[in-house]
Amino acid sequence: MKPDIHPEYVVATVHCSCGNTFTTRSTRSELRVEICSNCHPFYTGKQKLVDTGGRVERFQRRYAKQQAEQAAAVKEREASRKPAVSLPEQPAEATPARTDQD
């Protein structure tokens, strides 16, 4: 290795947004992170949703809007179709005339 070209590798303190603090080694003396192993769903086993800036809700709104538009298009398409050729109406069966000869 060439001397004097590599940054100094020091003990670093890591601060997470959940309040957890731990030490490690880095080229910086202090790090601030959003998610650590104590609050990350993969490591905790919790299915906690990590949503940055409402992305999930925005996606769900767009998806619901798209589904509604597709349903409306299907209804409109069904309404605009001409009904299939209908069968001519069958005449009702003739009932025998009643005679008073009984």
Protein backbone atom coordinates (compact mmCIF):
# COMPACT_ATOMS: atom_id res chain seq x y z
CA MET A 1 0.00 0.00 0.00
CA LYS A 2 1.22 3.49 -0.70
CA PRO A 3 1.75 5.58 2.41
CA ASP A 4 -0.35 8.71 3.12
CA ILE A 5 -3.07 8.13 0.50
CA HIS A 6 -5.63 6.21 2.57
CA PRO A 7 -8.10 7.90 4.94
CA GLU A 8 -7.76 7.33 8.66
CA TYR A 9 -9.85 4.39 9.93
CA VAL A 10 -11.29 5.38 13.34
CA VAL A 11 -13.89 4.22 15.85
CA ALA A 12 -17.26 5.63 14.77
CA THR A 13 -20.47 6.21 16.70
CA VAL A 14 -23.65 5.38 14.77
CA HIS A 15 -26.92 7.12 15.73
CA CYS A 16 -30.19 5.69 14.37
CA SER A 17 -33.46 7.61 14.06
CA CYS A 18 -35.08 5.05 16.39
CA GLY A 19 -32.72 6.15 19.18
CA ASN A 20 -30.32 3.22 19.03
CA THR A 21 -26.59 4.05 19.28
CA PHE A 22 -23.66 1.71 18.68
CA THR A 23 -20.01 1.90 17.76
CA THR A 24 -18.18 0.50 14.78
CA ARG A 25 -15.19 1.51 12.68
CA SER A 26 -15.31 3.86 9.73
CA THR A 27 -13.45 6.67 8.01
CA ARG A 28 -15.91 9.09 9.66
CA SER A 29 -16.14 9.55 13.40
CA GLU A 30 -19.96 9.90 13.55
CA LEU A 31 -22.74 8.47 11.35
CA ARG A 32 -26.49 9.18 11.41
CA VAL A 33 -28.74 6.55 9.82
CA GLU A 34 -32.50 6.14 9.30
CA ILE A 35 -32.76 2.39 9.91
CA CYS A 36 -30.57 0.06 11.96
CA SER A 37 -30.71 -3.64 12.80
CA ASN A 38 -32.91 -2.90 15.86
CA CYS A 39 -35.70 -1.28 13.84
CA HIS A 40 -35.38 -2.90 10.39
CA PRO A 41 -38.31 -5.30 9.69
CA PHE A 42 -36.04 -7.97 8.21
CA TYR A 43 -33.99 -8.26 11.39
CA THR A 44 -36.79 -7.74 13.91
CA GLY A 45 -39.25 -10.13 12.24
CA LYS A 46 -41.99 -7.51 12.41
CA GLN A 47 -43.84 -6.64 9.26
CA LYS A 48 -43.57 -2.96 9.98
CA LEU A 49 -43.98 -0.83 6.88
CA VAL A 50 -41.13 1.57 6.32
CA ASP A 51 -42.74 4.25 4.20
CA THR A 52 -40.74 7.21 3.03
CA GLY A 53 -42.79 10.18 1.95
CA GLY A 54 -46.14 8.36 1.59
CA ARG A 55 -45.01 6.28 -1.37
CA VAL A 56 -47.15 3.28 -0.47
CA GLU A 57 -50.32 5.35 -0.05
CA ARG A 58 -49.62 7.18 -3.30
CA PHE A 59 -49.19 3.85 -5.11
CA GLN A 60 -52.40 2.47 -3.59
CA ARG A 61 -54.34 5.57 -4.70
CA ARG A 62 -52.98 5.30 -8.24
CA TYR A 63 -53.74 1.58 -8.37
CA ALA A 64 -57.30 2.08 -7.09
CA LYS A 65 -57.85 4.86 -9.63
CA GLN A 66 -56.58 2.63 -12.44
CA GLN A 67 -58.87 -0.22 -11.35
CA ALA A 68 -61.87 2.13 -11.25
CA GLU A 69 -61.08 3.46 -14.72
CA GLN A 70 -60.82 -0.07 -16.10
CA ALA A 71 -64.13 -1.06 -14.52
CA ALA A 72 -65.82 2.03 -15.99
CA ALA A 73 -64.36 1.26 -19.43
CA VAL A 74 -65.71 -2.29 -19.27
CA LYS A 75 -69.18 -1.04 -18.29
CA GLU A 76 -69.12 1.52 -21.10
CA ARG A 77 -68.01 -1.10 -23.60
CA GLU A 78 -70.80 -3.46 -22.50
CA ALA A 79 -73.39 -0.67 -22.72
CA SER A 80 -72.28 0.36 -26.20
CA ARG A 81 -72.52 -3.13 -27.62
CA LYS A 82 -75.63 -3.87 -29.59
CA PRO A 83 -77.61 -6.76 -28.19
CA ALA A 84 -77.15 -10.02 -30.03
CA VAL A 85 -79.78 -11.05 -32.53
CA SER A 86 -82.78 -11.91 -30.45
CA LEU A 87 -84.99 -14.84 -31.18
CA PRO A 88 -88.47 -14.03 -32.43
CA GLU A 89 -91.07 -14.35 -29.76
CA GLN A 90 -92.92 -17.66 -29.78
CA PRO A 91 -96.70 -17.36 -29.79
CA ALA A 92 -98.26 -18.59 -26.60
CA GLU A 93 -99.83 -22.01 -26.77
CA ALA A 94 -103.43 -21.84 -27.68
CA THR A 95 -105.67 -23.01 -24.91
CA PRO A 96 -108.58 -25.12 -26.04
CA ALA A 97 -111.90 -23.36 -26.00
CA ARG A 98 -114.18 -24.43 -23.20
CA THR A 99 -117.39 -25.96 -23.96
CA ASP A 100 -120.20 -26.37 -21.52
CA GLN A 101 -120.80 -29.95 -22.48
CA ASP A 102 -119.24 -31.46 -19.37
